PDB file of N, CA and C in Angstrom:
ATOM      1  N   MET A   1     -23.977 -18.607  -9.253  1.00  0.00           N
ATOM      2  CA  MET A   1     -23.026 -17.916 -10.159  1.00  0.00           C
ATOM      3  C   MET A   1     -22.781 -17.269 -11.171  1.00  0.00           C
ATOM      4  N   THR A   2     -24.210 -16.362 -10.831  1.00  0.00           N
ATOM      5  CA  THR A   2     -24.320 -14.979 -11.809  1.00  0.00           C
ATOM      6  C   THR A   2     -23.828 -13.812 -10.328  1.00  0.00           C
ATOM      7  N   GLY A   3     -23.149 -13.765  -9.218  1.00  0.00           N
ATOM      8  CA  GLY A   3     -22.911 -12.815  -8.205  1.00  0.00           C
ATOM      9  C   GLY A   3     -21.972 -13.077  -8.508  1.00  0.00           C
ATOM     10  N   ARG A   4     -21.306 -14.215  -8.568  1.00  0.00           N
ATOM     11  CA  ARG A   4     -19.360 -14.057  -8.657  1.00  0.00           C
ATOM     12  C   ARG A   4     -19.160 -14.289  -9.979  1.00  0.00           C
ATOM     13  N   VAL A   5     -19.663 -13.994 -11.113  1.00  0.00           N
ATOM     14  CA  VAL A   5     -19.370 -12.952 -12.710  1.00  0.00           C
ATOM     15  C   VAL A   5     -18.821 -12.455 -12.063  1.00  0.00           C
ATOM     16  N   VAL A   6     -19.662 -11.163 -11.521  1.00  0.00           N
ATOM     17  CA  VAL A   6     -19.460  -9.660 -11.080  1.00  0.00           C
ATOM     18  C   VAL A   6     -18.744  -9.839 -10.081  1.00  0.00           C
ATOM     19  N   ALA A   7     -19.034 -10.480  -9.199  1.00  0.00           N
ATOM     20  CA  ALA A   7     -17.215  -9.790  -7.994  1.00  0.00           C
ATOM     21  C   ALA A   7     -16.259 -10.119  -8.414  1.00  0.00           C
ATOM     22  N   VAL A   8     -16.334 -10.888  -9.774  1.00  0.00           N
ATOM     23  CA  VAL A   8     -14.848 -11.545  -9.953  1.00  0.00           C
ATOM     24  C   VAL A   8     -14.501 -10.310 -11.295  1.00  0.00           C
ATOM     25  N   LEU A   9     -15.290  -9.689 -11.978  1.00  0.00           N
ATOM     26  CA  LEU A   9     -15.497  -8.149 -12.892  1.00  0.00           C
ATOM     27  C   LEU A   9     -14.638  -7.579 -12.124  1.00  0.00           C
ATOM     28  N   ILE A  10     -15.687  -7.502 -11.027  1.00  0.00           N
ATOM     29  CA  ILE A  10     -15.351  -6.142 -10.374  1.00  0.00           C
ATOM     30  C   ILE A  10     -14.143  -5.713 -10.080  1.00  0.00           C
ATOM     31  N   ALA A  11     -13.181  -7.641  -9.413  1.00  0.00           N
ATOM     32  CA  ALA A  11     -12.409  -7.403  -8.611  1.00  0.00           C
ATOM     33  C   ALA A  11     -11.523  -7.364  -9.796  1.00  0.00           C
ATOM     34  N   ALA A  12     -11.500  -7.611 -11.416  1.00  0.00           N
ATOM     35  CA  ALA A  12     -10.953  -7.755 -12.406  1.00  0.00           C
ATOM     36  C   ALA A  12     -10.476  -5.881 -11.954  1.00  0.00           C
ATOM     37  N   GLY A  13     -11.736  -5.294 -12.459  1.00  0.00           N
ATOM     38  CA  GLY A  13     -11.249  -3.304 -13.058  1.00  0.00           C
ATOM     39  C   GLY A  13     -10.174  -3.571 -11.759  1.00  0.00           C
ATOM     40  N   CYS A  14     -11.279  -3.450 -10.403  1.00  0.00           N
ATOM     41  CA  CYS A  14     -10.116  -2.277  -9.253  1.00  0.00           C
ATOM     42  C   CYS A  14      -8.669  -2.991  -9.806  1.00  0.00           C
ATOM     43  N   TRP A  15      -8.573  -3.793  -9.657  1.00  0.00           N
ATOM     44  CA  TRP A  15      -6.790  -4.779  -9.818  1.00  0.00           C
ATOM     45  C   TRP A  15      -6.201  -4.017 -10.745  1.00  0.00           C
ATOM     46  N   ALA A  16      -6.264  -3.623 -12.210  1.00  0.00           N
ATOM     47  CA  ALA A  16      -5.953  -3.108 -13.180  1.00  0.00           C
ATOM     48  C   ALA A  16      -5.821  -1.870 -12.979  1.00  0.00           C
ATOM     49  N   GLY A  17      -6.521  -0.988 -12.540  1.00  0.00           N
ATOM     50  CA  GLY A  17      -6.542   0.798 -11.992  1.00  0.00           C
ATOM     51  C   GLY A  17      -5.637   0.606 -10.781  1.00  0.00           C
ATOM     52  N   SER A  18      -4.688  -0.868  -9.816  1.00  0.00           N
ATOM     53  CA  SER A  18      -4.828  -0.330  -8.824  1.00  0.00           C
ATOM     54  C   SER A  18      -3.433  -0.464  -9.259  1.00  0.00           C
ATOM     55  N   GLU A  19      -3.297  -1.000 -10.864  1.00  0.00           N
ATOM     56  CA  GLU A  19      -1.170  -1.568 -11.489  1.00  0.00           C
ATOM     57  C   GLU A  19      -1.223  -0.085 -13.103  1.00  0.00           C
ATOM     58  N   ALA A  20      -2.076   0.277 -12.595  1.00  0.00           N
ATOM     59  CA  ALA A  20      -0.863   1.875 -13.724  1.00  0.00           C
ATOM     60  C   ALA A  20      -1.592   3.138 -12.793  1.00  0.00           C
ATOM     61  N   ALA A  21      -2.092   3.309 -11.513  1.00  0.00           N
ATOM     62  CA  ALA A  21      -1.792   4.000 -10.497  1.00  0.00           C
ATOM     63  C   ALA A  21      -0.459   3.887  -9.737  1.00  0.00           C
ATOM     64  N   ALA A  22       0.033   2.241  -9.055  1.00  0.00           N
ATOM     65  CA  ALA A  22       0.874   2.497  -8.982  1.00  0.00           C
ATOM     66  C   ALA A  22       2.009   1.978  -9.405  1.00  0.00           C
ATOM     67  N   ARG A  23       1.982   2.161 -10.709  1.00  0.00           N
ATOM     68  CA  ARG A  23       3.009   2.815 -11.752  1.00  0.00           C
ATOM     69  C   ARG A  23       3.016   4.146 -11.824  1.00  0.00           C
ATOM     70  N   ASP A  24       2.307   4.541 -11.603  1.00  0.00           N
ATOM     71  CA  ASP A  24       2.246   6.787 -11.712  1.00  0.00           C
ATOM     72  C   ASP A  24       3.231   6.811 -10.305  1.00  0.00           C
ATOM     73  N   LEU A  25       2.158   6.300  -9.514  1.00  0.00           N
ATOM     74  CA  LEU A  25       3.324   7.003  -8.500  1.00  0.00           C
ATOM     75  C   LEU A  25       4.302   6.869  -7.969  1.00  0.00           C
ATOM     76  N   ALA A  26       5.246   5.141  -9.087  1.00  0.00           N
ATOM     77  CA  ALA A  26       6.545   4.986  -8.192  1.00  0.00           C
ATOM     78  C   ALA A  26       7.231   6.377  -9.815  1.00  0.00           C
ATOM     79  N   ARG A  27       7.104   7.112 -10.011  1.00  0.00           N
ATOM     80  CA  ARG A  27       7.341   8.331 -11.419  1.00  0.00           C
ATOM     81  C   ARG A  27       7.161   9.579 -10.259  1.00  0.00           C
ATOM     82  N   ALA A  28       6.198   9.519  -9.930  1.00  0.00           N
ATOM     83  CA  ALA A  28       6.541  10.961  -8.899  1.00  0.00           C
ATOM     84  C   ALA A  28       7.577  11.240  -8.508  1.00  0.00           C
ATOM     85  N   GLN A  29       7.291  12.636  -8.471  1.00  0.00           N
ATOM     86  CA  GLN A  29       8.855  13.466  -7.995  1.00  0.00           C
ATOM     87  C   GLN A  29       8.638  13.298  -5.928  1.00  0.00           C
ATOM     88  N   ALA A  30       9.303  13.124  -4.826  1.00  0.00           N
ATOM     89  CA  ALA A  30       9.126  14.138  -3.902  1.00  0.00           C
ATOM     90  C   ALA A  30       8.639  14.939  -4.217  1.00  0.00           C
ATOM     91  N   PRO A  31       7.708  16.313  -3.177  1.00  0.00           N
ATOM     92  CA  PRO A  31       7.095  16.466  -3.110  1.00  0.00           C
ATOM     93  C   PRO A  31       8.709  17.555  -2.712  1.00  0.00           C
ATOM     94  N   ASP A  32       8.318  19.290  -2.305  1.00  0.00           N
ATOM     95  CA  ASP A  32       9.148  19.911  -2.041  1.00  0.00           C
ATOM     96  C   ASP A  32       9.671  20.034  -0.307  1.00  0.00           C
ATOM     97  N   GLY A  33      10.520  20.083   0.014  1.00  0.00           N
ATOM     98  CA  GLY A  33      11.064  19.977   1.359  1.00  0.00           C
ATOM     99  C   GLY A  33      11.173  18.023   1.476  1.00  0.00           C
ATOM    100  N   LEU A  34      11.695  17.444   0.509  1.00  0.00           N
ATOM    101  CA  LEU A  34      12.713  16.173   0.905  1.00  0.00           C
ATOM    102  C   LEU A  34      12.941  15.715  -0.535  1.00  0.00           C
ATOM    103  N   VAL A  35      13.458  15.130   0.232  1.00  0.00           N
ATOM    104  CA  VAL A  35      14.753  14.552  -0.809  1.00  0.00           C
ATOM    105  C   VAL A  35      14.508  13.104  -0.801  1.00  0.00           C
ATOM    106  N   ALA A  36      14.883  12.803  -2.243  1.00  0.00           N
ATOM    107  CA  ALA A  36      15.322  11.018  -2.073  1.00  0.00           C
ATOM    108  C   ALA A  36      16.864  10.281  -1.406  1.00  0.00           C
ATOM    109  N   CYS A  37      16.529   8.998  -0.957  1.00  0.00           N
ATOM    110  CA  CYS A  37      17.022   8.503  -0.415  1.00  0.00           C
ATOM    111  C   CYS A  37      17.335   6.900  -1.181  1.00  0.00           C
ATOM    112  N   PRO A  38      18.603   7.313  -2.512  1.00  0.00           N
ATOM    113  CA  PRO A  38      18.173   5.868  -3.382  1.00  0.00           C
ATOM    114  C   PRO A  38      19.746   5.278  -2.398  1.00  0.00           C
ATOM    115  N   GLU A  39      20.367   5.551  -1.494  1.00  0.00           N
ATOM    116  CA  GLU A  39      21.289   3.839  -0.954  1.00  0.00           C
ATOM    117  C   GLU A  39      20.595   3.658  -0.116  1.00  0.00           C
ATOM    118  N   GLN A  40      19.131   4.224   1.063  1.00  0.00           N
ATOM    119  CA  GLN A  40      18.638   3.467   1.290  1.00  0.00           C
ATOM    120  C   GLN A  40      17.438   2.757   0.650  1.00  0.00           C
ATOM    121  N   GLY A  41      17.575   2.825  -0.130  1.00  0.00           N
ATOM    122  CA  GLY A  41      15.730   1.509  -1.386  1.00  0.00           C
ATOM    123  C   GLY A  41      14.693   2.540  -1.738  1.00  0.00           C
ATOM    124  N   ALA A  42      14.462   2.253  -3.143  1.00  0.00           N
ATOM    125  CA  ALA A  42      13.589   3.278  -4.022  1.00  0.00           C
ATOM    126  C   ALA A  42      12.143   3.095  -2.643  1.00  0.00           C
ATOM    127  N   GLY A  43      11.946   4.438  -3.071  1.00  0.00           N
ATOM    128  CA  GLY A  43      10.515   4.844  -2.263  1.00  0.00           C
ATOM    129  C   GLY A  43      10.918   5.546  -1.330  1.00  0.00           C
ATOM    130  N   PHE A  44      12.970   6.042  -0.208  1.00  0.00           N
ATOM    131  CA  PHE A  44      13.002   6.513   0.673  1.00  0.00           C
ATOM    132  C   PHE A  44      12.832   7.517   0.889  1.00  0.00           C
ATOM    133  N   VAL A  45      12.902   8.836   1.518  1.00  0.00           N
ATOM    134  CA  VAL A  45      13.196  10.096   1.457  1.00  0.00           C
ATOM    135  C   VAL A  45      12.923  10.349   2.889  1.00  0.00           C
ATOM    136  N   ARG A  46      13.826  12.099   2.612  1.00  0.00           N
ATOM    137  CA  ARG A  46      13.624  12.598   3.914  1.00  0.00           C
ATOM    138  C   ARG A  46      14.440  13.650   4.148  1.00  0.00           C
ATOM    139  N   ALA A  47      13.446  14.671   5.199  1.00  0.00           N
ATOM    140  CA  ALA A  47      13.017  15.866   4.580  1.00  0.00           C
ATOM    141  C   ALA A  47      14.502  16.921   5.370  1.00  0.00           C
ATOM    142  N   LYS A  48      14.623  17.668   4.837  1.00  0.00           N
ATOM    143  CA  LYS A  48      16.130  18.553   3.756  1.00  0.00           C
ATOM    144  C   LYS A  48      16.304  19.350   5.177  1.00  0.00           C
ATOM    145  N   GLY A  49      17.409  18.587   5.540  1.00  0.00           N
ATOM    146  CA  GLY A  49      18.156  18.623   6.751  1.00  0.00           C
ATOM    147  C   GLY A  49      18.367  17.878   7.928  1.00  0.00           C
ATOM    148  N   ALA A  50      18.090  16.479   7.391  1.00  0.00           N
ATOM    149  CA  ALA A  50      17.520  15.527   7.904  1.00  0.00           C
ATOM    150  C   ALA A  50      18.295  14.714   7.743  1.00  0.00           C
ATOM    151  N   ARG A  51      18.856  12.916   8.539  1.00  0.00           N
ATOM    152  CA  ARG A  51      19.281  12.342   8.382  1.00  0.00           C
ATOM    153  C   ARG A  51      19.134  11.276   8.204  1.00  0.00           C
ATOM    154  N   THR A  52      17.855  10.798   9.101  1.00  0.00           N
ATOM    155  CA  THR A  52      16.904  10.070   8.706  1.00  0.00           C
ATOM    156  C   THR A  52      15.836   9.734   7.534  1.00  0.00           C
ATOM    157  N   CYS A  53      15.766   8.674   6.390  1.00  0.00           N
ATOM    158  CA  CYS A  53      14.951   8.295   5.406  1.00  0.00           C
ATOM    159  C   CYS A  53      13.814   7.764   6.511  1.00  0.00           C
ATOM    160  N   PHE A  54      12.929   7.830   5.620  1.00  0.00           N
ATOM    161  CA  PHE A  54      11.698   7.446   5.303  1.00  0.00           C
ATOM    162  C   PHE A  54      10.751   6.857   4.630  1.00  0.00           C
ATOM    163  N   ARG A  55       9.835   5.775   5.282  1.00  0.00           N
ATOM    164  CA  ARG A  55       9.185   5.225   3.427  1.00  0.00           C
ATOM    165  C   ARG A  55       7.312   4.690   3.422  1.00  0.00           C
ATOM    166  N   LEU A  56       6.736   5.604   3.114  1.00  0.00           N
ATOM    167  CA  LEU A  56       5.175   5.348   4.006  1.00  0.00           C
ATOM    168  C   LEU A  56       4.286   5.078   2.674  1.00  0.00           C
ATOM    169  N   SER A  57       3.831   3.167   2.813  1.00  0.00           N
ATOM    170  CA  SER A  57       3.322   2.502   1.858  1.00  0.00           C
ATOM    171  C   SER A  57       2.158   1.785   2.646  1.00  0.00           C
ATOM    172  N   GLY A  58       1.605   1.438   1.625  1.00  0.00           N
ATOM    173  CA  GLY A  58       0.130   0.238   2.524  1.00  0.00           C
ATOM    174  C   GLY A  58      -0.067  -0.073   1.335  1.00  0.00           C
ATOM    175  N   ARG A  59      -1.636  -0.303   1.385  1.00  0.00           N
ATOM    176  CA  ARG A  59      -2.231  -1.019   0.065  1.00  0.00           C
ATOM    177  C   ARG A  59      -3.751  -0.926   1.162  1.00  0.00           C
ATOM    178  N   VAL A  60      -4.715  -0.992  -0.448  1.00  0.00           N
ATOM    179  CA  VAL A  60      -6.444  -1.011   0.555  1.00  0.00           C
ATOM    180  C   VAL A  60      -6.988  -2.378  -0.972  1.00  0.00           C
ATOM    181  N   GLY A  61      -7.599  -2.646  -0.445  1.00  0.00           N
ATOM    182  CA  GLY A  61      -8.363  -4.040  -1.093  1.00  0.00           C
ATOM    183  C   GLY A  61      -9.917  -3.884  -0.593  1.00  0.00           C
ATOM    184  N   ALA A  62     -10.410  -3.670  -2.015  1.00  0.00           N
ATOM    185  CA  ALA A  62     -12.955  -3.334  -1.649  1.00  0.00           C
ATOM    186  C   ALA A  62     -13.325  -5.231  -2.235  1.00  0.00           C
ATOM    187  N   GLY A  63     -14.000  -5.485  -1.773  1.00  0.00           N
ATOM    188  CA  GLY A  63     -14.348  -6.350  -2.737  1.00  0.00           C
ATOM    189  C   GLY A  63     -16.170  -6.735  -1.938  1.00  0.00           C
ATOM    190  N   ILE A  64     -16.390  -7.514  -3.225  1.00  0.00           N
ATOM    191  CA  ILE A  64     -18.032  -7.748  -2.414  1.00  0.00           C
ATOM    192  C   ILE A  64     -18.266  -9.681  -2.513  1.00  0.00           C
ATOM    193  N   ASP A  65     -18.804 -10.401  -0.980  1.00  0.00           N
ATOM    194  CA  ASP A  65     -18.336 -11.465  -0.528  1.00  0.00           C
ATOM    195  C   ASP A  65     -20.040 -12.079  -0.798  1.00  0.00           C
ATOM    196  N   ALA A  66     -19.936 -12.966  -2.373  1.00  0.00           N
ATOM    197  CA  ALA A  66     -21.684 -13.117  -2.607  1.00  0.00           C
ATOM    198  C   ALA A  66     -21.276 -14.735  -2.272  1.00  0.00           C
ATOM    199  N   ARG A  67     -22.776 -14.317  -2.114  1.00  0.00           N
ATOM    200  CA  ARG A  67     -23.283 -16.191  -1.313  1.00  0.00           C
ATOM    201  C   ARG A  67     -24.310 -16.469  -2.573  1.00  0.00           C
ATOM    202  N   THR A  68     -24.937 -18.015  -2.973  1.00  0.00           N
ATOM    203  CA  THR A  68     -25.290 -18.514  -3.953  1.00  0.00           C
ATOM    204  C   THR A  68     -26.440 -18.830  -3.398  1.00  0.00           C
ATOM    205  N   GLY A  69     -27.646 -19.234  -3.604  1.00  0.00           N
ATOM    206  CA  GLY A  69     -28.592 -20.800  -2.719  1.00  0.00           C
ATOM    207  C   GLY A  69     -29.490 -20.762  -1.583  1.00  0.00           C
ATOM    208  N   ALA A  70     -29.349 -21.517  -0.664  1.00  0.00           N
ATOM    209  CA  ALA A  70     -30.391 -21.189   0.421  1.00  0.00           C
ATOM    210  C   ALA A  70     -29.977 -20.098   0.840  1.00  0.00           C
ATOM    211  N   GLY A  71     -29.375 -20.113   1.332  1.00  0.00           N
ATOM    212  CA  GLY A  71     -28.288 -18.273   1.898  1.00  0.00           C
ATOM    213  C   GLY A  71     -27.954 -17.550   1.128  1.00  0.00           C
ATOM    214  N   ALA A  72     -28.348 -16.994   0.482  1.00  0.00           N
ATOM    215  CA  ALA A  72     -28.499 -16.043  -0.477  1.00  0.00           C
ATOM    216  C   ALA A  72     -27.878 -14.931   0.557  1.00  0.00           C
ATOM    217  N   ARG A  73     -26.893 -13.801  -0.130  1.00  0.00           N
ATOM    218  CA  ARG A  73     -26.210 -13.134   0.358  1.00  0.00           C
ATOM    219  C   ARG A  73     -25.213 -11.825  -0.287  1.00  0.00           C
ATOM    220  N   VAL A  74     -24.921 -11.320  -0.530  1.00  0.00           N
ATOM    221  CA  VAL A  74     -24.024 -10.837  -0.962  1.00  0.00           C
ATOM    222  C   VAL A  74     -23.422  -9.161   0.097  1.00  0.00           C
ATOM    223  N   ALA A  75     -22.495  -9.452   0.408  1.00  0.00           N
ATOM    224  CA  ALA A  75     -21.746  -8.561   1.664  1.00  0.00           C
ATOM    225  C   ALA A  75     -20.327  -7.488   1.344  1.00  0.00           C
ATOM    226  N   PRO A  76     -20.283  -7.292   1.762  1.00  0.00           N
ATOM    227  CA  PRO A  76     -18.298  -6.245   1.693  1.00  0.00           C
ATOM    228  C   PRO A  76     -17.806  -6.534   2.059  1.00  0.00           C
ATOM    229  N   SER A  77     -16.261  -6.253   1.701  1.00  0.00           N
ATOM    230  CA  SER A  77     -15.645  -6.943   2.598  1.00  0.00           C
ATOM    231  C   SER A  77     -14.348  -5.799   2.865  1.00  0.00           C
ATOM    232  N   ALA A  78     -13.668  -5.353   2.758  1.00  0.00           N
ATOM    233  CA  ALA A  78     -12.529  -4.541   2.637  1.00  0.00           C
ATOM    234  C   ALA A  78     -10.754  -5.599   3.644  1.00  0.00           C
ATOM    235  N   ALA A  79     -10.421  -4.757   2.982  1.00  0.00           N
ATOM    236  CA  ALA A  79      -9.235  -4.827   4.109  1.00  0.00           C
ATOM    237  C   ALA A  79      -7.831  -4.041   4.005  1.00  0.00           C
ATOM    238  N   GLY A  80      -7.231  -3.367   4.744  1.00  0.00           N
ATOM    239  CA  GLY A  80      -5.667  -2.800   4.314  1.00  0.00           C
ATOM    240  C   GLY A  80      -5.042  -2.726   5.061  1.00  0.00           C
ATOM    241  N   ARG A  81      -3.577  -1.768   4.161  1.00  0.00           N
ATOM    242  CA  ARG A  81      -2.824  -2.290   5.855  1.00  0.00           C
ATOM    243  C   ARG A  81      -1.785  -0.749   5.319  1.00  0.00           C
ATOM    244  N   PHE A  82      -1.100  -0.665   6.621  1.00  0.00           N
ATOM    245  CA  PHE A  82      -0.338   0.963   6.386  1.00  0.00           C
ATOM    246  C   PHE A  82       1.284   0.657   7.171  1.00  0.00           C
ATOM    247  N   ALA A  83       2.042   1.202   6.457  1.00  0.00           N
ATOM    248  CA  ALA A  83       3.878   0.922   6.757  1.00  0.00           C
ATOM    249  C   ALA A  83       4.343   1.627   7.696  1.00  0.00           C
ATOM    250  N   ILE A  84       5.314   2.477   7.863  1.00  0.00           N
ATOM    251  CA  ILE A  84       5.983   3.277   7.675  1.00  0.00           C
ATOM    252  C   ILE A  84       7.671   2.118   8.436  1.00  0.00           C
ATOM    253  N   ASP A  85       8.539   2.675   7.419  1.00  0.00           N
ATOM    254  CA  ASP A  85       9.822   2.054   7.597  1.00  0.00           C
ATOM    255  C   ASP A  85      10.328   2.976   7.634  1.00  0.00           C
ATOM    256  N   THR A  86      11.689   3.129   8.742  1.00  0.00           N
ATOM    257  CA  THR A  86      12.452   4.688   8.893  1.00  0.00           C
ATOM    258  C   THR A  86      13.919   3.890   8.542  1.00  0.00           C
ATOM    259  N   ARG A  87      14.808   4.812   8.041  1.00  0.00           N
ATOM    260  CA  ARG A  87      16.098   3.964   8.533  1.00  0.00           C
ATOM    261  C   ARG A  87      17.542   5.389   8.397  1.00  0.00           C
ATOM    262  N   SER A  88      18.351   4.817   9.837  1.00  0.00           N
ATOM    263  CA  SER A  88      19.440   6.264   9.605  1.00  0.00           C
ATOM    264  C   SER A  88      20.133   5.726   9.935  1.00  0.00           C
ATOM    265  N   GLU A  89      21.006   6.373   9.998  1.00  0.00           N
ATOM    266  CA  GLU A  89      22.466   5.774   9.832  1.00  0.00           C
ATOM    267  C   GLU A  89      23.683   6.717  11.470  1.00  0.00           C
ATOM    268  N   SER A  90      23.873   6.152  12.060  1.00  0.00           N
ATOM    269  CA  SER A  90      24.684   6.242  13.383  1.00  0.00           C
ATOM    270  C   SER A  90      25.924   5.628  14.013  1.00  0.00           C
ATOM    271  N   GLU A  91      26.492   6.070  14.820  1.00  0.00           N
ATOM    272  CA  GLU A  91      28.203   6.178  15.041  1.00  0.00           C
ATOM    273  C   GLU A  91      27.481   4.630  15.179  1.00  0.00           C
ATOM    274  N   TYR A  92      27.059   3.790  15.953  1.00  0.00           N
ATOM    275  CA  TYR A  92      26.841   2.846  16.094  1.00  0.00           C
ATOM    276  C   TYR A  92      26.696   1.530  15.155  1.00  0.00           C
ATOM    277  N   GLY A  93      26.457   2.365  13.879  1.00  0.00           N
ATOM    278  CA  GLY A  93      25.457   1.199  13.160  1.00  0.00           C
ATOM    279  C   GLY A  93      24.745   1.687  12.010  1.00  0.00           C
ATOM    280  N   PRO A  94      23.753   0.853  11.499  1.00  0.00           N
ATOM    281  CA  PRO A  94      22.235   1.631  11.220  1.00  0.00           C
ATOM    282  C   PRO A  94      21.452   0.920  12.328  1.00  0.00           C
ATOM    283  N   VAL A  95      20.831   1.987  11.322  1.00  0.00           N
ATOM    284  CA  VAL A  95      19.167   1.886  13.197  1.00  0.00           C
ATOM    285  C   VAL A  95      18.169   2.630  11.693  1.00  0.00           C
ATOM    286  N   ARG A  96      16.802   1.531  12.214  1.00  0.00           N
ATOM    287  CA  ARG A  96      15.728   1.301  11.603  1.00  0.00           C
ATOM    288  C   ARG A  96      14.136   0.312  12.957  1.00  0.00           C
ATOM    289  N   ALA A  97      13.656   1.304  12.271  1.00  0.00           N
ATOM    290  CA  ALA A  97      12.200   1.109  12.888  1.00  0.00           C
ATOM    291  C   ALA A  97      11.312   1.525  11.645  1.00  0.00           C
ATOM    292  N   PHE A  98      10.597  -0.507  12.333  1.00  0.00           N
ATOM    293  CA  PHE A  98       9.435  -0.703  11.114  1.00  0.00           C
ATOM    294  C   PHE A  98       7.983  -0.828  12.390  1.00  0.00           C
ATOM    295  N   VAL A  99       6.741   0.002  11.149  1.00  0.00           N
ATOM    296  CA  VAL A  99       5.815  -0.295  12.035  1.00  0.00           C
ATOM    297  C   VAL A  99       4.838  -0.259  11.546  1.00  0.00           C
ATOM    298  N   ARG A 100       3.601  -1.821  10.669  1.00  0.00           N
ATOM    299  CA  ARG A 100       2.588  -2.359   9.426  1.00  0.00           C
ATOM    300  C   ARG A 100       1.596  -2.590  10.391  1.00  0.00           C
ATOM    301  N   MET A 101       0.933  -1.288  10.429  1.00  0.00           N
ATOM    302  CA  MET A 101      -0.444  -1.225  11.142  1.00  0.00           C
ATOM    303  C   MET A 101      -1.473  -2.365   9.753  1.00  0.00           C
ATOM    304  N   GLY A 102      -2.558  -3.498  10.076  1.00  0.00           N
ATOM    305  CA  GLY A 102      -4.188  -3.254   9.270  1.00  0.00           C
ATOM    306  C   GLY A 102      -4.220  -3.408  10.031  1.00  0.00           C
ATOM    307  N   HIS A 103      -6.219  -3.927   8.846  1.00  0.00           N
ATOM    308  CA  HIS A 103      -7.099  -4.065   8.779  1.00  0.00           C
ATOM    309  C   HIS A 103      -8.189  -5.545   8.415  1.00  0.00           C
ATOM    310  N   GLY A 104      -7.697  -6.523   8.591  1.00  0.00           N
ATOM    311  CA  GLY A 104      -9.229  -6.910   7.002  1.00  0.00           C
ATOM    312  C   GLY A 104      -8.306  -8.564   7.558  1.00  0.00           C
ATOM    313  N   ARG A 105      -8.907  -9.267   5.522  1.00  0.00           N
ATOM    314  CA  ARG A 105      -8.255 -10.029   5.482  1.00  0.00           C
ATOM    315  C   ARG A 105      -6.411  -9.664   4.797  1.00  0.00           C
ATOM    316  N   PRO A 106      -5.811 -10.880   4.784  1.00  0.00           N
ATOM    317  CA  PRO A 106      -4.205  -9.958   4.463  1.00  0.00           C
ATOM    318  C   PRO A 106      -4.787 -10.368   2.705  1.00  0.00           C
TER     319      PRO A 106
END
């Protein structure tokens, strides 16, 4: 029982920190050389002089799997995902490419 309580407290602390970091990133300005693409949606940017807009996103999760009783053990667990979304306008209409890579449990 104690292992579960510790795991829940660690997970809650990580979750609270990630929410604050996400809010800070949402307010951050694009680095030099990148221009916002609000017409494509939140988070899209393009390089100066380019027509294609892109957005990089992802997430990482980590935790501890704890079992108590006769087969007691503690094991770390981790999962991650990374996505690239590109959008552009062509003479035939909108063009979109989306790639998502992941590892671990969703």
